[in-house]
Amino acid sequence: MIKKDREKPLRLLAHEAAMRRFRRTHPKHPQIEQEFYRLHYGYKGEQAMDYFSSFLPHENYKVLHGLRIPDTKGRHFQMDSLLISPTHCLILDSKYVSGKIEFDEDTGSLIRHNEAGQERLGDPFAQLARHKIQLSSIIKDLKLPRLPIYTQIVITHKNATLLKKSPIILKNVVFHTNLPTRIEEIDNVQNNTYFSNKDANKLVKTLLKIHKDEDFNLMDYYGLSPTDFIRGVICPNCSHAPMQKSYQKWLCLKCGHSGKELLQETIKDYPLLGFGNKISNREFREFICLQSPHIAYRELLSLNLLHKGRKKNRIYFIE
């Protein structure tokens, strides 16, 4: 039973907004583009893993995707997926890596081989070992029974080839298409029941309560200023901006495309880019490229945003 669905992380949403509103000629565009694709394909791999992890051997599993929580010492850690059953927990870590890859057992490093040589991609074994300890500390702090915690690295790219398949690697690394079989293997060796349904629900409730999305401000992270971004409603047909307000529609002066319901998506970019979630009439006009305060007022009302204050002092809140 899924207790927490996977949601697109804020960092990825922010980079998607940046890709819409960042000029390719900007010197930091390559850096932002590279990070966008890393986040995009990482999320794509997690979604692929989710499909195969749904084939569980029994209905007693409680599944939480994209969990970011503090341990008992306040250090936040993130698990791509956590499966909780009466007999054990299983932490899944998705790796969307293509090409020839290997795990160096001496250093724990994930290595990708390419024409230029070797690329080291971190130490997923050490990371999972830390997550296992951190999750154990939370379970202990809740005075719940101690139960086995398993970890699995899940290769989610269909064009990945795993080199040097030692027994240790084969036990701890699995391709996403074989994940249901691996989950069943782990399930079959666990015969002792540690958690009652009440215990499992207590852990799930606590984890959901302490879950907190990562704070991320794109402008601060890359050292950008408001003038670095393309303003206005972006044409969904040709990507030209700004579109012009013409009666009840938004009109693209480049390709002639028009549409009504475009402002709702446009305003979501404002907080994602790092401007904050509060906006005034003047700031709205600057971002949407409107001249008239009266037209801006009407458009803001059409968005049904929470607000406080009156007239020129009114502030609107973007969720």
Protein backbone atom coordinates (compact mmCIF):
# COMPACT_ATOMS: atom_id res chain seq x y z
CA MET A 1 0.00 0.00 0.00
CA ILE A 2 1.48 3.32 -1.04
CA LYS A 3 1.55 5.76 1.88
CA LYS A 4 3.50 8.48 0.11
CA ASP A 5 3.44 9.01 -3.65
CA ARG A 6 6.51 10.22 -5.46
CA GLU A 7 6.40 13.92 -6.22
CA LYS A 8 8.65 15.89 -8.52
CA PRO A 9 11.26 17.53 -6.24
CA LEU A 10 11.47 21.31 -5.89
CA ARG A 11 15.03 21.38 -7.24
CA LEU A 12 13.87 19.73 -10.48
CA LEU A 13 10.79 22.00 -10.78
CA ALA A 14 13.05 25.03 -10.33
CA HIS A 15 15.42 23.85 -13.07
CA GLU A 16 12.49 23.19 -15.39
CA ALA A 17 11.38 26.79 -14.86
CA ALA A 18 14.95 27.98 -15.49
CA MET A 19 15.13 26.05 -18.76
CA ARG A 20 11.95 27.82 -19.89
CA ARG A 21 13.20 31.27 -18.88
CA PHE A 22 16.96 31.23 -19.29
CA ARG A 23 18.60 32.49 -22.46
CA ARG A 24 20.95 29.99 -24.09
CA THR A 25 23.51 32.76 -24.52
CA HIS A 26 23.81 33.28 -20.76
CA PRO A 27 27.23 32.11 -19.48
CA LYS A 28 25.60 29.95 -16.78
CA HIS A 29 23.18 28.22 -19.16
CA PRO A 30 25.45 25.14 -19.69
CA GLN A 31 25.76 24.63 -15.93
CA ILE A 32 22.01 24.90 -15.37
CA GLU A 33 21.25 22.68 -18.37
CA GLN A 34 23.64 19.97 -17.16
CA GLU A 35 22.06 19.95 -13.70
CA PHE A 36 18.56 19.92 -15.20
CA TYR A 37 19.28 16.79 -17.21
CA ARG A 38 20.88 15.09 -14.20
CA LEU A 39 17.78 15.78 -12.11
CA HIS A 40 15.38 14.96 -14.94
CA TYR A 41 16.84 11.55 -15.69
CA GLY A 42 17.28 10.77 -12.02
CA TYR A 43 13.56 11.35 -11.51
CA LYS A 44 12.79 9.32 -14.62
CA GLY A 45 14.78 6.43 -13.17
CA GLU A 46 12.93 6.66 -9.85
CA GLN A 47 9.62 6.46 -11.71
CA ALA A 48 10.82 3.36 -13.57
CA MET A 49 11.81 1.80 -10.25
CA ASP A 50 8.39 2.63 -8.78
CA TYR A 51 6.62 0.57 -11.43
CA PHE A 52 8.56 -2.59 -10.73
CA SER A 53 8.57 -2.08 -6.96
CA SER A 54 4.77 -2.15 -7.09
CA PHE A 55 4.90 -5.92 -7.75
CA LEU A 56 5.16 -6.81 -4.08
CA PRO A 57 4.95 -10.40 -2.79
CA HIS A 58 2.14 -9.54 -0.33
CA GLU A 59 -0.17 -6.69 0.68
CA ASN A 60 1.46 -5.98 4.03
CA TYR A 61 4.06 -3.61 2.61
CA LYS A 62 3.72 0.09 3.28
CA VAL A 63 5.56 2.10 0.63
CA LEU A 64 6.90 5.65 0.92
CA HIS A 65 8.53 7.30 -2.11
CA GLY A 66 10.86 10.31 -2.03
CA LEU A 67 11.15 10.56 1.73
CA ARG A 68 13.41 13.30 3.14
CA ILE A 69 13.62 13.24 6.93
CA PRO A 70 15.92 14.25 9.81
CA ASP A 71 17.57 11.57 11.89
CA THR A 72 17.69 11.73 15.69
CA LYS A 73 20.58 14.22 15.47
CA GLY A 74 18.79 16.52 13.05
CA ARG A 75 20.75 15.49 9.94
CA HIS A 76 18.45 15.23 6.93
CA PHE A 77 18.71 12.27 4.59
CA GLN A 78 16.68 11.18 1.61
CA MET A 79 15.55 7.71 0.59
CA ASP A 80 14.36 7.17 -2.97
CA SER A 81 11.91 4.55 -1.69
CA LEU A 82 11.26 2.88 1.66
CA LEU A 83 9.28 -0.35 1.96
CA ILE A 84 8.04 -1.32 5.44
CA SER A 85 6.70 -4.78 6.23
CA PRO A 86 6.03 -6.66 9.50
CA THR A 87 9.29 -8.60 9.02
CA HIS A 88 11.74 -6.00 7.68
CA CYS A 89 12.35 -2.67 5.98
CA LEU A 90 13.88 -2.22 2.54
CA ILE A 91 15.59 0.99 1.34
CA LEU A 92 15.83 1.38 -2.44
CA ASP A 93 18.34 3.69 -4.13
CA SER A 94 17.80 4.38 -7.84
CA LYS A 95 20.79 4.85 -10.17
CA TYR A 96 19.96 6.03 -13.69
CA VAL A 97 23.35 5.40 -15.29
CA SER A 98 23.97 4.22 -18.83
CA GLY A 99 26.89 2.38 -20.42
CA LYS A 100 29.40 0.03 -18.82
CA ILE A 101 29.38 0.45 -15.06
CA GLU A 102 31.07 -1.28 -12.16
CA PHE A 103 31.21 -1.05 -8.40
CA ASP A 104 34.69 -0.87 -6.91
CA GLU A 105 34.47 -3.08 -3.82
CA ASP A 106 37.64 -1.60 -2.33
CA THR A 107 36.42 2.02 -2.38
CA GLY A 108 32.67 1.49 -2.77
CA SER A 109 32.69 3.82 -5.78
CA LEU A 110 30.30 3.56 -8.68
CA ILE A 111 32.40 3.84 -11.86
CA ARG A 112 31.20 4.50 -15.40
CA HIS A 113 33.53 3.57 -18.26
CA ASN A 114 33.50 5.71 -21.38
CA GLU A 115 35.78 6.64 -24.26
CA ALA A 116 37.51 9.29 -22.17
CA GLY A 117 38.32 6.81 -19.41
CA GLN A 118 36.59 6.39 -16.05
CA GLU A 119 34.06 8.58 -14.28
CA ARG A 120 33.53 8.06 -10.55
CA LEU A 121 29.94 8.70 -9.47
CA GLY A 122 30.10 8.57 -5.69
CA ASP A 123 29.85 5.80 -3.13
CA PRO A 124 26.25 4.50 -2.98
CA PHE A 125 27.14 1.65 -0.59
CA ALA A 126 28.42 4.05 2.07
CA GLN A 127 25.39 6.28 1.56
CA LEU A 128 22.97 3.39 2.04
CA ALA A 129 24.90 2.22 5.09
CA ARG A 130 24.42 5.68 6.64
CA HIS A 131 20.72 5.68 5.76
CA LYS A 132 20.32 2.28 7.38
CA ILE A 133 21.90 3.56 10.62
CA GLN A 134 19.82 6.74 10.54
CA LEU A 135 16.56 4.87 9.99
CA SER A 136 17.46 2.44 12.79
CA SER A 137 17.99 5.35 15.16
CA ILE A 138 14.51 6.70 14.39
CA ILE A 139 12.93 3.29 14.98
CA LYS A 140 14.81 2.95 18.28
CA ASP A 141 13.84 6.48 19.35
CA LEU A 142 10.16 5.58 18.76
CA LYS A 143 10.64 2.57 21.07
CA LEU A 144 9.54 0.24 18.29
CA PRO A 145 10.88 -3.30 17.95
CA ARG A 146 14.20 -3.54 16.11
CA LEU A 147 13.83 -5.26 12.76
CA PRO A 148 16.19 -6.10 9.86
CA ILE A 149 16.78 -3.27 7.39
CA TYR A 150 17.85 -4.25 3.89
CA THR A 151 19.22 -1.97 1.18
CA GLN A 152 19.31 -2.33 -2.59
CA ILE A 153 20.92 -0.26 -5.32
CA VAL A 154 18.58 -0.34 -8.31
CA ILE A 155 20.01 0.25 -11.81
CA THR A 156 17.18 1.89 -13.75
CA HIS A 157 18.74 2.66 -17.16
CA LYS A 158 17.87 0.10 -19.84
CA ASN A 159 21.25 0.59 -21.58
CA ALA A 160 23.41 -0.13 -18.54
CA THR A 161 25.81 -3.07 -18.45
CA LEU A 162 27.16 -4.21 -15.09
CA LEU A 163 30.79 -5.34 -15.01
CA LYS A 164 32.55 -7.55 -12.42
CA LYS A 165 29.48 -9.26 -10.95
CA SER A 166 30.90 -10.54 -7.67
CA PRO A 167 28.60 -12.29 -5.14
CA ILE A 168 28.54 -9.16 -2.97
CA ILE A 169 27.56 -6.96 -5.91
CA LEU A 170 24.90 -9.39 -7.11
CA LYS A 171 23.41 -9.43 -3.61
CA ASN A 172 23.25 -5.66 -3.25
CA VAL A 173 22.68 -4.41 -6.80
CA VAL A 174 19.73 -5.24 -9.04
CA PHE A 175 18.32 -4.05 -12.35
CA HIS A 176 14.88 -2.50 -12.00
CA THR A 177 13.26 -5.15 -14.21
CA ASN A 178 14.41 -7.82 -11.72
CA LEU A 179 13.38 -5.85 -8.65
CA PRO A 180 10.15 -7.81 -7.97
CA THR A 181 12.16 -11.06 -7.84
CA ARG A 182 14.75 -9.51 -5.51
CA ILE A 183 12.01 -8.18 -3.18
CA GLU A 184 10.45 -11.64 -3.07
CA GLU A 185 13.84 -13.24 -2.29
CA ILE A 186 14.33 -10.90 0.66
CA ASP A 187 10.76 -11.50 1.79
CA ASN A 188 11.20 -15.27 1.71
CA VAL A 189 14.20 -15.30 4.05
CA GLN A 190 12.40 -13.22 6.67
CA ASN A 191 10.18 -15.51 8.71
CA ASN A 192 10.09 -13.60 11.99
CA THR A 193 7.48 -10.93 12.56
CA TYR A 194 8.77 -7.85 14.39
CA PHE A 195 6.15 -5.19 13.65
CA SER A 196 2.46 -5.34 14.37
CA ASN A 197 0.22 -3.33 12.09
CA LYS A 198 0.07 -0.72 14.87
CA ASP A 199 3.89 -0.52 14.95
CA ALA A 200 4.12 -0.11 11.18
CA ASN A 201 1.44 2.59 11.18
CA LYS A 202 3.25 4.44 13.98
CA LEU A 203 6.48 4.48 11.99
CA VAL A 204 4.71 5.58 8.79
CA LYS A 205 2.82 8.34 10.60
CA THR A 206 6.03 9.63 12.19
CA LEU A 207 7.99 9.57 8.93
CA LEU A 208 5.25 11.45 7.09
CA LYS A 209 5.09 14.01 9.89
CA ILE A 210 8.82 14.75 9.90
CA HIS A 211 9.20 14.64 6.10
CA LYS A 212 10.28 18.00 4.74
CA ASP A 213 10.97 18.94 1.15
CA GLU A 214 14.37 20.42 0.44
CA ASP A 215 14.60 24.21 0.58
CA PHE A 216 16.04 25.44 -2.69
CA ASN A 217 16.36 28.92 -4.17
CA LEU A 218 17.57 28.85 -7.76
CA MET A 219 18.59 32.51 -7.86
CA ASP A 220 20.70 32.23 -4.71
CA TYR A 221 22.19 28.88 -5.69
CA TYR A 222 23.55 30.13 -9.03
CA GLY A 223 24.12 33.74 -8.00
CA LEU A 224 21.57 35.08 -10.48
CA SER A 225 19.58 38.32 -10.56
CA PRO A 226 15.96 38.95 -11.64
CA THR A 227 17.17 40.46 -14.92
CA ASP A 228 18.67 37.12 -15.99
CA PHE A 229 15.26 35.61 -16.72
CA ILE A 230 12.90 35.91 -19.68
CA ARG A 231 9.73 37.71 -18.55
CA GLY A 232 6.11 37.37 -19.62
CA VAL A 233 3.74 34.62 -20.70
CA ILE A 234 5.65 32.19 -22.93
CA CYS A 235 3.96 31.01 -26.12
CA PRO A 236 3.30 27.26 -25.86
CA ASN A 237 3.53 27.00 -29.65
CA CYS A 238 6.83 28.71 -30.50
CA SER A 239 8.30 29.62 -27.04
CA HIS A 240 8.31 33.34 -27.86
CA ALA A 241 7.85 35.75 -24.96
CA PRO A 242 6.19 37.89 -23.90
CA MET A 243 2.72 37.14 -25.21
CA GLN A 244 0.43 40.16 -25.29
CA LYS A 245 -2.88 40.47 -23.47
CA SER A 246 -5.58 40.98 -26.11
CA TYR A 247 -9.11 41.18 -24.75
CA GLN A 248 -9.74 37.83 -23.04
CA LYS A 249 -6.79 36.03 -24.63
CA TRP A 250 -3.01 36.00 -24.68
CA LEU A 251 -1.65 36.57 -28.20
CA CYS A 252 1.78 35.63 -29.54
CA LEU A 253 3.06 38.40 -31.80
CA LYS A 254 5.51 36.00 -33.46
CA CYS A 255 3.39 33.02 -34.57
CA GLY A 256 -0.15 34.28 -33.95
CA HIS A 257 -1.03 31.58 -31.43
CA SER A 258 -3.56 32.59 -28.78
CA GLY A 259 -4.87 31.05 -25.60
CA LYS A 260 -6.85 31.85 -22.48
CA GLU A 261 -5.61 29.63 -19.64
CA LEU A 262 -1.91 30.48 -19.78
CA LEU A 263 -1.41 32.75 -16.79
CA GLN A 264 -2.02 30.00 -14.22
CA GLU A 265 1.07 28.08 -15.31
CA THR A 266 3.15 31.22 -15.87
CA ILE A 267 2.77 32.51 -12.31
CA LYS A 268 4.07 29.18 -10.92
CA ASP A 269 7.49 30.05 -12.33
CA TYR A 270 7.76 33.10 -10.08
CA PRO A 271 8.55 31.28 -6.80
CA LEU A 272 10.38 28.46 -8.60
CA LEU A 273 12.93 30.91 -10.01
CA GLY A 274 13.63 32.26 -6.54
CA PHE A 275 11.55 35.45 -6.44
CA GLY A 276 9.61 34.22 -3.41
CA ASN A 277 5.95 33.33 -2.97
CA LYS A 278 4.71 36.89 -2.33
CA ILE A 279 4.00 39.30 -5.16
CA SER A 280 2.62 42.83 -5.45
CA ASN A 281 0.75 44.41 -8.36
CA ARG A 282 3.94 46.17 -9.47
CA GLU A 283 6.06 42.99 -9.27
CA PHE A 284 3.34 41.11 -11.15
CA ARG A 285 3.35 43.71 -13.94
CA GLU A 286 7.13 43.49 -14.22
CA PHE A 287 7.11 39.69 -14.39
CA ILE A 288 4.16 39.34 -16.80
CA CYS A 289 5.09 42.44 -18.87
CA LEU A 290 1.90 44.42 -18.34
CA GLN A 291 1.67 48.20 -18.32
CA SER A 292 -1.72 48.79 -16.74
CA PRO A 293 -2.12 48.38 -12.95
CA HIS A 294 -5.86 47.94 -13.52
CA ILE A 295 -5.40 45.05 -15.98
CA ALA A 296 -2.83 43.50 -13.63
CA TYR A 297 -5.34 43.77 -10.78
CA ARG A 298 -7.98 41.93 -12.84
CA GLU A 299 -5.50 39.23 -13.82
CA LEU A 300 -4.40 38.74 -10.21
CA LEU A 301 -8.02 38.38 -9.14
CA SER A 302 -8.55 35.75 -11.84
CA LEU A 303 -5.79 33.64 -10.26
CA ASN A 304 -7.76 33.37 -6.98
CA LEU A 305 -4.61 33.90 -4.90
CA LEU A 306 -4.73 34.43 -1.16
CA HIS A 307 -3.93 38.04 -0.35
CA LYS A 308 -3.71 40.62 2.41
CA GLY A 309 -3.77 44.41 2.47
CA ARG A 310 -5.73 46.88 0.38
CA LYS A 311 -5.20 48.80 -2.83
CA LYS A 312 -1.52 49.61 -3.50
CA ASN A 313 -0.38 47.76 -0.38
CA ARG A 314 -2.04 44.45 -1.29
CA ILE A 315 0.25 41.43 -1.37
CA TYR A 316 -0.69 38.16 -3.11
CA PHE A 317 0.58 34.71 -2.07
CA ILE A 318 1.53 32.11 -4.68
CA GLU A 319 1.24 28.51 -3.48
